Amino acid sequence: MRSKRPLTKFLGLIPGYIILLIACGAPQPAAIPTLTPPPNTAAPSADTAAPLNPSARSYISLAYDVESGRVILFGGQTGDYAEAASYNGETWSYDFTANRWLLMQPAAAPTARAASELAYDSESDRVILFGGCVGPSFERWGSGATWAYDYNTNTWMEMAKGPNRHVGPRLAYDSESDRVILFGGYDMNDFFYNDTWAYDFNTDTWKEMKPKDSPPGRNYQAMTYDSKADRVLVWGGLNISGSAPVDESIWAYDYNSNSWQEIKPVEPYPKGREYPAMVYDPAADRTILFGGNIGGDETWSYDYNLNTWTKQEPVTTPEKTSRHAMAYAADANRIILFGGQAGAGMFFTNETWAYDFDKVLWTNVTQQP
């Protein structure tokens, strides 16, 4: 399902300036279902009169809570960036087995925001949220706020602040080292960061890693953690000129040696772009990339061991999409995609899709009234 009104404001990057992308708000479903809390929550205060799906939005992030078997979504942008009402503060969970979204309604939560990042810390069983753009004032974009979400108790807790003025960085959880890794961002003053940070939930501390070499500065890149290779992988994004995608290399980060390695691509490979999403599928030992502002309906898989990209050819795909989010649902062995800006008119969408790597199959699982 898509919003029927076209995108009216852009939040992209132009030389010397950044403008956050926003579209007109999406309609709510006409039918209002009655939902019950998921069985493994400790009496969450979920909304029992919520829509079947989150409203159409972009500038979102997803994280899969392995212990609870739920995909977690927070916030996003639903309308014109100049309007405070376009910044969303909802917490949603998605159960693939039941194919059900649930509006969680915790008693307290982060301020409504767009372009925040989520990563699931499996050691602590918490979804970590970092940053975001809080409201239409540029002074509140690139927040250094850090929050932790416990699905079982349906509670958010504010944690120590991280690096400030980072718009559009990416997070990935390094399970071998038990650290959330942050890379990149934009400072709202014509500067793209290439710094690397690590967050330790147990000590509630952020540490700037300062490796000897780093990828070029960028934001809104794709980033994931390859657990078998024990590497954080970065690809794409917007570069220091603000006018073209960065190089098409994979950059691999090893926390243990605090080092980045550039891995140059071998044909065929996806063309550089910003606003893509990619996630590691451990069952297939492949990183799956979808969408972005170029080749927005392409699905690619990357084999780190062989440094090879393979273009997948599913019969059906989501529309050309950017500014969306994906997460790997381990229990279902599916990649879940939600939201973004889709189609030739770049409408905000609230569609949910599931990708099966083994069958090379995208399935639209959006709930219908």
Protein backbone atom coordinates (compact mmCIF):
# COMPACT_ATOMS: atom_id res chain seq x y z
CA MET A 1 0.00 0.00 0.00
CA ARG A 2 1.24 3.49 -0.85
CA SER A 3 0.34 7.01 0.06
CA LYS A 4 -1.56 8.61 -2.81
CA ARG A 5 0.05 12.01 -2.47
CA PRO A 6 3.47 12.61 -4.07
CA LEU A 7 6.69 13.56 -2.38
CA THR A 8 6.86 17.30 -1.82
CA LYS A 9 10.09 17.88 0.09
CA PHE A 10 13.50 16.29 -0.21
CA LEU A 11 15.94 15.48 2.52
CA GLY A 12 18.87 14.52 0.33
CA LEU A 13 22.30 16.01 -0.01
CA ILE A 14 23.40 18.73 -2.41
CA PRO A 15 26.82 20.35 -2.51
CA GLY A 16 27.20 22.43 0.65
CA TYR A 17 23.78 21.61 2.04
CA ILE A 18 21.69 18.71 3.28
CA ILE A 19 17.95 18.53 3.00
CA LEU A 20 16.11 15.64 4.70
CA LEU A 21 13.68 13.75 2.41
CA ILE A 22 10.06 13.81 3.28
CA ALA A 23 6.75 13.01 1.64
CA CYS A 24 3.12 13.71 2.29
CA GLY A 25 1.48 11.67 5.04
CA ALA A 26 -0.17 8.35 4.39
CA PRO A 27 -3.82 7.48 5.01
CA GLN A 28 -4.72 5.05 7.78
CA PRO A 29 -6.58 1.84 6.97
CA ALA A 30 -10.34 2.15 7.19
CA ALA A 31 -10.83 -1.04 9.17
CA ILE A 32 -9.59 -0.95 12.77
CA PRO A 33 -8.74 -4.44 14.02
CA THR A 34 -8.55 -5.62 17.60
CA LEU A 35 -5.07 -6.91 18.41
CA THR A 36 -3.87 -8.82 21.44
CA PRO A 37 -0.39 -8.51 22.98
CA PRO A 38 2.24 -11.01 21.76
CA PRO A 39 2.38 -14.06 24.02
CA ASN A 40 5.96 -13.60 25.23
CA THR A 41 5.74 -10.03 26.52
CA ALA A 42 5.52 -9.08 30.16
CA ALA A 43 2.13 -7.33 29.95
CA PRO A 44 3.10 -4.75 27.33
CA SER A 45 0.95 -1.67 27.04
CA ALA A 46 0.27 -2.25 23.35
CA ASP A 47 -2.41 -0.36 21.45
CA THR A 48 -5.44 -2.63 21.03
CA ALA A 49 -7.12 -0.39 18.45
CA ALA A 50 -4.27 0.19 16.03
CA PRO A 51 -4.05 -0.04 12.23
CA LEU A 52 -2.99 -3.32 10.65
CA ASN A 53 0.29 -1.79 9.46
CA PRO A 54 2.48 1.17 10.40
CA SER A 55 1.61 4.22 8.32
CA ALA A 56 3.63 5.01 5.20
CA ARG A 57 7.04 6.42 6.11
CA SER A 58 10.72 6.57 5.19
CA TYR A 59 14.02 7.34 6.96
CA ILE A 60 13.46 4.32 9.18
CA SER A 61 15.49 1.48 10.64
CA LEU A 62 14.60 -2.08 11.65
CA ALA A 63 16.26 -4.51 14.07
CA TYR A 64 15.41 -8.16 14.71
CA ASP A 65 15.09 -9.11 18.39
CA VAL A 66 16.33 -12.71 18.30
CA GLU A 67 15.19 -13.63 21.82
CA SER A 68 11.61 -12.52 21.18
CA GLY A 69 11.43 -13.33 17.49
CA ARG A 70 10.19 -9.86 16.58
CA VAL A 71 11.28 -7.16 14.14
CA ILE A 72 11.34 -3.78 15.91
CA LEU A 73 10.63 -0.45 14.19
CA PHE A 74 10.81 3.03 15.68
CA GLY A 75 9.79 6.40 14.28
CA GLY A 76 10.33 7.63 10.75
CA GLN A 77 9.19 10.50 8.60
CA THR A 78 5.64 10.60 7.27
CA GLY A 79 5.28 14.04 5.69
CA ASP A 80 6.84 17.40 4.88
CA TYR A 81 10.04 17.85 6.89
CA ALA A 82 9.01 21.41 7.79
CA GLU A 83 6.04 20.08 9.77
CA ALA A 84 6.62 18.77 13.29
CA ALA A 85 3.79 16.28 12.89
CA SER A 86 5.80 14.47 10.19
CA TYR A 87 8.25 13.12 12.77
CA ASN A 88 6.99 9.87 14.20
CA GLY A 89 7.56 8.43 17.68
CA GLU A 90 5.82 5.06 17.43
CA THR A 91 7.33 1.72 18.47
CA TRP A 92 6.11 -1.25 16.43
CA SER A 93 6.89 -4.97 16.52
CA TYR A 94 6.41 -7.42 13.66
CA ASP A 95 5.87 -11.17 14.01
CA PHE A 96 6.57 -12.90 10.69
CA THR A 97 5.04 -16.22 11.75
CA ALA A 98 1.70 -14.56 12.53
CA ASN A 99 2.28 -11.87 9.88
CA ARG A 100 1.22 -9.23 12.36
CA TRP A 101 2.36 -5.72 13.21
CA LEU A 102 1.64 -4.51 16.74
CA LEU A 103 1.78 -0.90 17.98
CA MET A 104 3.53 -1.27 21.33
CA GLN A 105 2.70 2.02 23.10
CA PRO A 106 5.41 1.96 25.82
CA ALA A 107 4.86 4.33 28.75
CA ALA A 108 7.94 6.37 27.82
CA ALA A 109 9.93 6.48 24.58
CA PRO A 110 12.43 8.57 22.62
CA THR A 111 11.18 11.85 21.19
CA ALA A 112 9.57 11.51 17.75
CA ARG A 113 12.29 11.48 15.11
CA ALA A 114 13.36 10.33 11.66
CA ALA A 115 16.64 8.87 10.38
CA SER A 116 17.56 7.21 13.68
CA GLU A 117 19.42 3.89 13.61
CA LEU A 118 18.60 0.58 15.33
CA ALA A 119 20.79 -2.45 16.10
CA TYR A 120 19.99 -5.50 18.24
CA ASP A 121 22.50 -6.31 20.98
CA SER A 122 22.02 -10.07 21.42
CA GLU A 123 24.26 -10.30 24.49
CA SER A 124 22.08 -7.84 26.42
CA ASP A 125 18.80 -8.59 24.61
CA ARG A 126 18.23 -4.93 23.86
CA VAL A 127 17.50 -2.97 20.69
CA ILE A 128 19.86 0.02 20.63
CA LEU A 129 18.67 3.27 19.05
CA PHE A 130 21.06 6.04 18.09
CA GLY A 131 20.63 9.57 16.78
CA GLY A 132 18.03 10.84 14.37
CA CYS A 133 16.49 14.13 13.33
CA VAL A 134 14.15 15.48 16.00
CA GLY A 135 11.60 17.80 14.45
CA PRO A 136 11.94 20.34 11.64
CA SER A 137 14.68 22.47 13.23
CA PHE A 138 18.11 21.78 11.72
CA GLU A 139 19.62 22.42 15.15
CA ARG A 140 17.97 19.19 16.35
CA TRP A 141 19.20 17.02 13.48
CA GLY A 142 21.99 14.58 14.18
CA SER A 143 21.04 13.95 17.80
CA GLY A 144 23.63 12.04 19.83
CA ALA A 145 20.93 10.40 21.95
CA THR A 146 21.19 6.67 22.69
CA TRP A 147 18.26 4.55 23.90
CA ALA A 148 17.80 0.85 24.69
CA TYR A 149 14.51 -1.03 24.15
CA ASP A 150 13.47 -4.17 26.03
CA TYR A 151 10.67 -5.92 24.15
CA ASN A 152 9.85 -8.26 27.03
CA THR A 153 8.94 -5.38 29.34
CA ASN A 154 8.04 -2.95 26.52
CA THR A 155 10.29 -0.26 27.98
CA TRP A 156 12.76 2.27 26.57
CA MET A 157 15.70 3.48 28.68
CA GLU A 158 17.81 6.53 27.84
CA MET A 159 21.52 5.75 27.81
CA ALA A 160 24.76 7.75 27.50
CA LYS A 161 24.98 10.19 24.61
CA GLY A 162 27.10 9.24 21.62
CA PRO A 163 28.77 11.34 18.92
CA ASN A 164 26.84 14.52 18.16
CA ARG A 165 25.73 16.04 14.84
CA HIS A 166 25.91 12.79 12.88
CA VAL A 167 23.04 12.77 10.36
CA GLY A 168 22.56 9.49 8.50
CA PRO A 169 25.21 7.28 10.13
CA ARG A 170 24.75 3.51 10.20
CA LEU A 171 24.89 0.97 13.01
CA ALA A 172 25.71 -2.75 13.08
CA TYR A 173 26.10 -5.08 16.06
CA ASP A 174 29.36 -7.05 16.18
CA SER A 175 28.27 -10.14 18.13
CA GLU A 176 31.79 -11.59 18.48
CA SER A 177 33.02 -8.43 20.21
CA ASP A 178 29.69 -7.47 21.81
CA ARG A 179 29.86 -3.94 20.46
CA VAL A 180 27.52 -1.77 18.40
CA ILE A 181 29.61 -0.22 15.62
CA LEU A 182 28.78 3.20 14.14
CA PHE A 183 30.26 4.62 10.97
CA GLY A 184 29.77 7.86 9.02
CA GLY A 185 27.26 10.69 9.09
CA TYR A 186 26.91 14.32 8.07
CA ASP A 187 27.49 17.30 10.35
CA MET A 188 24.96 19.69 8.71
CA ASN A 189 27.87 21.96 7.79
CA ASP A 190 29.10 20.44 4.52
CA PHE A 191 31.25 17.78 6.19
CA PHE A 192 30.91 13.99 5.89
CA TYR A 193 32.30 11.95 8.77
CA ASN A 194 34.51 8.91 8.30
CA ASP A 195 34.84 8.20 12.02
CA THR A 196 34.25 4.80 13.63
CA TRP A 197 32.66 4.43 17.08
CA ALA A 198 31.89 1.45 19.30
CA TYR A 199 29.14 1.31 21.93
CA ASP A 200 29.27 -1.07 24.91
CA PHE A 201 25.83 -1.51 26.50
CA ASN A 202 27.26 -3.19 29.61
CA THR A 203 29.33 -0.14 30.53
CA ASP A 204 27.07 2.33 28.71
CA THR A 205 30.02 3.94 26.98
CA TRP A 206 30.83 5.15 23.46
CA LYS A 207 34.44 5.00 22.28
CA GLU A 208 35.89 6.58 19.15
CA MET A 209 38.09 3.88 17.65
CA LYS A 210 40.37 6.04 15.46
CA PRO A 211 41.66 3.31 13.11
CA LYS A 212 44.73 4.08 11.02
CA ASP A 213 42.79 4.04 7.73
CA SER A 214 39.07 4.52 7.08
CA PRO A 215 36.60 4.57 4.19
CA PRO A 216 35.88 8.00 2.67
CA GLY A 217 33.33 10.04 4.60
CA ARG A 218 29.69 9.36 3.73
CA ASN A 219 26.17 8.97 5.06
CA TYR A 220 23.03 6.98 4.25
CA GLN A 221 25.21 4.05 3.18
CA ALA A 222 24.37 0.35 3.55
CA MET A 223 25.97 -1.42 6.51
CA THR A 224 25.68 -4.86 8.12
CA TYR A 225 27.65 -7.40 10.17
CA ASP A 226 28.85 -10.65 8.57
CA SER A 227 28.95 -12.93 11.60
CA LYS A 228 30.86 -15.78 9.93
CA ALA A 229 33.61 -13.47 8.69
CA ASP A 230 33.40 -11.35 11.85
CA ARG A 231 33.44 -8.17 9.80
CA VAL A 232 31.24 -5.08 9.63
CA LEU A 233 30.60 -4.37 5.94
CA VAL A 234 29.96 -0.91 4.47
CA TRP A 235 28.88 -0.15 0.91
CA GLY A 236 27.57 2.88 -0.98
CA GLY A 237 26.30 6.13 0.49
CA LEU A 238 26.77 9.78 -0.39
CA ASN A 239 30.30 11.13 -0.64
CA ILE A 240 32.21 14.22 0.34
CA SER A 241 31.26 16.12 -2.82
CA GLY A 242 27.59 15.72 -2.00
CA SER A 243 26.82 15.16 -5.67
CA ALA A 244 27.62 11.54 -6.50
CA PRO A 245 27.75 8.14 -4.81
CA VAL A 246 31.00 7.12 -3.21
CA ASP A 247 33.20 4.35 -4.56
CA GLU A 248 31.72 0.91 -5.19
CA SER A 249 34.14 -1.00 -2.96
CA ILE A 250 33.10 -3.06 0.03
CA TRP A 251 34.82 -1.83 3.17
CA ALA A 252 35.27 -4.41 5.94
CA TYR A 253 35.90 -3.45 9.58
CA ASP A 254 37.58 -5.77 12.08
CA TYR A 255 36.95 -4.58 15.64
CA ASN A 256 39.63 -6.86 17.11
CA SER A 257 42.42 -5.28 15.05
CA ASN A 258 40.61 -1.91 14.75
CA SER A 259 41.23 -1.87 11.02
CA TRP A 260 39.33 -1.21 7.81
CA GLN A 261 40.08 -3.06 4.56
CA GLU A 262 38.98 -1.87 1.13
CA ILE A 263 37.79 -4.71 -1.10
CA LYS A 264 37.50 -3.54 -4.70
CA PRO A 265 34.63 -5.02 -6.71
CA VAL A 266 34.90 -7.46 -9.59
CA GLU A 267 32.31 -7.35 -12.38
CA PRO A 268 29.41 -7.77 -12.17
CA TYR A 269 28.54 -5.57 -9.20
CA PRO A 270 25.85 -3.00 -8.25
CA LYS A 271 26.44 0.61 -9.21
CA GLY A 272 27.16 3.03 -6.39
CA ARG A 273 24.15 4.70 -4.79
CA GLU A 274 22.85 6.24 -1.60
CA TYR A 275 19.85 5.15 0.48
CA PRO A 276 20.18 1.40 -0.15
CA ALA A 277 19.71 -1.24 2.55
CA MET A 278 21.60 -4.47 3.03
CA VAL A 279 21.52 -7.21 5.63
CA TYR A 280 23.52 -10.38 6.27
CA ASP A 281 21.75 -13.74 5.87
CA PRO A 282 23.76 -16.21 8.01
CA ALA A 283 21.91 -19.28 6.72
CA ALA A 284 23.04 -18.46 3.18
CA ASP A 285 26.30 -16.80 4.26
CA ARG A 286 25.44 -13.93 1.93
CA THR A 287 24.83 -10.22 2.35
CA ILE A 288 21.65 -9.14 0.56
CA LEU A 289 21.32 -5.62 -0.88
CA PHE A 290 18.11 -4.07 -2.17
CA GLY A 291 17.09 -0.68 -3.51
CA GLY A 292 18.62 2.76 -3.35
CA ASN A 293 18.30 5.84 -5.50
CA ILE A 294 19.88 3.99 -8.47
CA GLY A 295 18.71 0.50 -9.42
CA GLY A 296 15.99 0.82 -6.83
CA ASP A 297 14.34 -2.52 -7.60
CA GLU A 298 17.54 -4.55 -7.88
CA THR A 299 18.37 -7.40 -5.50
CA TRP A 300 22.04 -8.36 -5.16
CA SER A 301 23.85 -10.91 -3.01
CA TYR A 302 27.46 -10.55 -1.87
CA ASP A 303 29.80 -13.40 -0.90
CA TYR A 304 32.52 -11.98 1.33
CA ASN A 305 34.63 -15.14 1.09
CA LEU A 306 34.89 -14.92 -2.70
CA ASN A 307 34.39 -11.15 -3.09
CA THR A 308 31.66 -11.75 -5.66
CA TRP A 309 28.38 -9.95 -6.29
CA THR A 310 25.49 -11.84 -7.91
CA LYS A 311 22.42 -10.10 -9.26
CA GLN A 312 19.33 -11.98 -8.14
CA GLU A 313 16.44 -12.26 -10.58
CA PRO A 314 13.24 -12.67 -8.56
CA VAL A 315 10.04 -12.73 -10.61
CA THR A 316 8.39 -10.13 -8.38
CA THR A 317 10.07 -7.35 -6.40
CA PRO A 318 9.05 -4.33 -4.38
CA GLU A 319 8.78 -1.18 -6.46
CA LYS A 320 11.90 0.91 -6.92
CA THR A 321 12.54 1.85 -3.32
CA SER A 322 14.96 3.96 -1.32
CA ARG A 323 15.13 5.18 2.29
CA HIS A 324 13.64 1.88 3.44
CA ALA A 325 14.86 -0.60 6.05
CA MET A 326 15.57 -4.34 6.20
CA ALA A 327 16.26 -6.91 8.91
CA TYR A 328 17.00 -10.64 8.89
CA ALA A 329 14.38 -12.65 10.82
CA ALA A 330 16.39 -15.66 11.97
CA ASP A 331 13.47 -17.82 13.13
CA ALA A 332 11.80 -17.56 9.72
CA ASN A 333 15.00 -17.41 7.61
CA ARG A 334 13.58 -14.40 5.79
CA ILE A 335 14.73 -10.85 5.16
CA ILE A 336 11.99 -8.38 6.12
CA LEU A 337 11.70 -5.06 4.25
CA PHE A 338 9.44 -2.22 5.32
CA GLY A 339 8.61 1.27 4.12
CA GLY A 340 10.67 3.78 2.19
CA GLN A 341 9.93 5.87 -0.87
CA ALA A 342 8.75 3.85 -3.84
CA GLY A 343 7.82 4.04 -7.49
CA ALA A 344 8.39 6.69 -10.12
CA GLY A 345 6.60 9.29 -7.98
CA MET A 346 8.68 8.42 -4.88
CA PHE A 347 5.59 7.91 -2.75
CA PHE A 348 6.03 6.88 0.85
CA THR A 349 5.03 3.25 1.27
CA ASN A 350 3.93 1.11 4.19
CA GLU A 351 4.35 -2.21 2.44
CA THR A 352 6.01 -5.17 4.17
CA TRP A 353 7.95 -7.65 2.02
CA ALA A 354 9.77 -10.89 2.84
CA TYR A 355 12.72 -12.26 0.83
CA ASP A 356 13.61 -15.96 0.64
CA PHE A 357 17.20 -16.29 -0.61
CA ASP A 358 16.90 -20.01 -1.32
CA LYS A 359 13.89 -19.53 -3.59
CA VAL A 360 15.01 -16.13 -4.94
CA LEU A 361 11.55 -14.92 -3.99
CA TRP A 362 10.12 -11.61 -2.76
CA THR A 363 6.61 -11.87 -1.23
CA ASN A 364 4.39 -8.93 -0.39
CA VAL A 365 3.05 -9.80 3.08
CA THR A 366 1.35 -6.45 3.78
CA GLN A 367 -1.83 -6.97 5.80
CA GLN A 368 -5.02 -5.96 4.03
CA PRO A 369 -8.12 -4.59 5.84
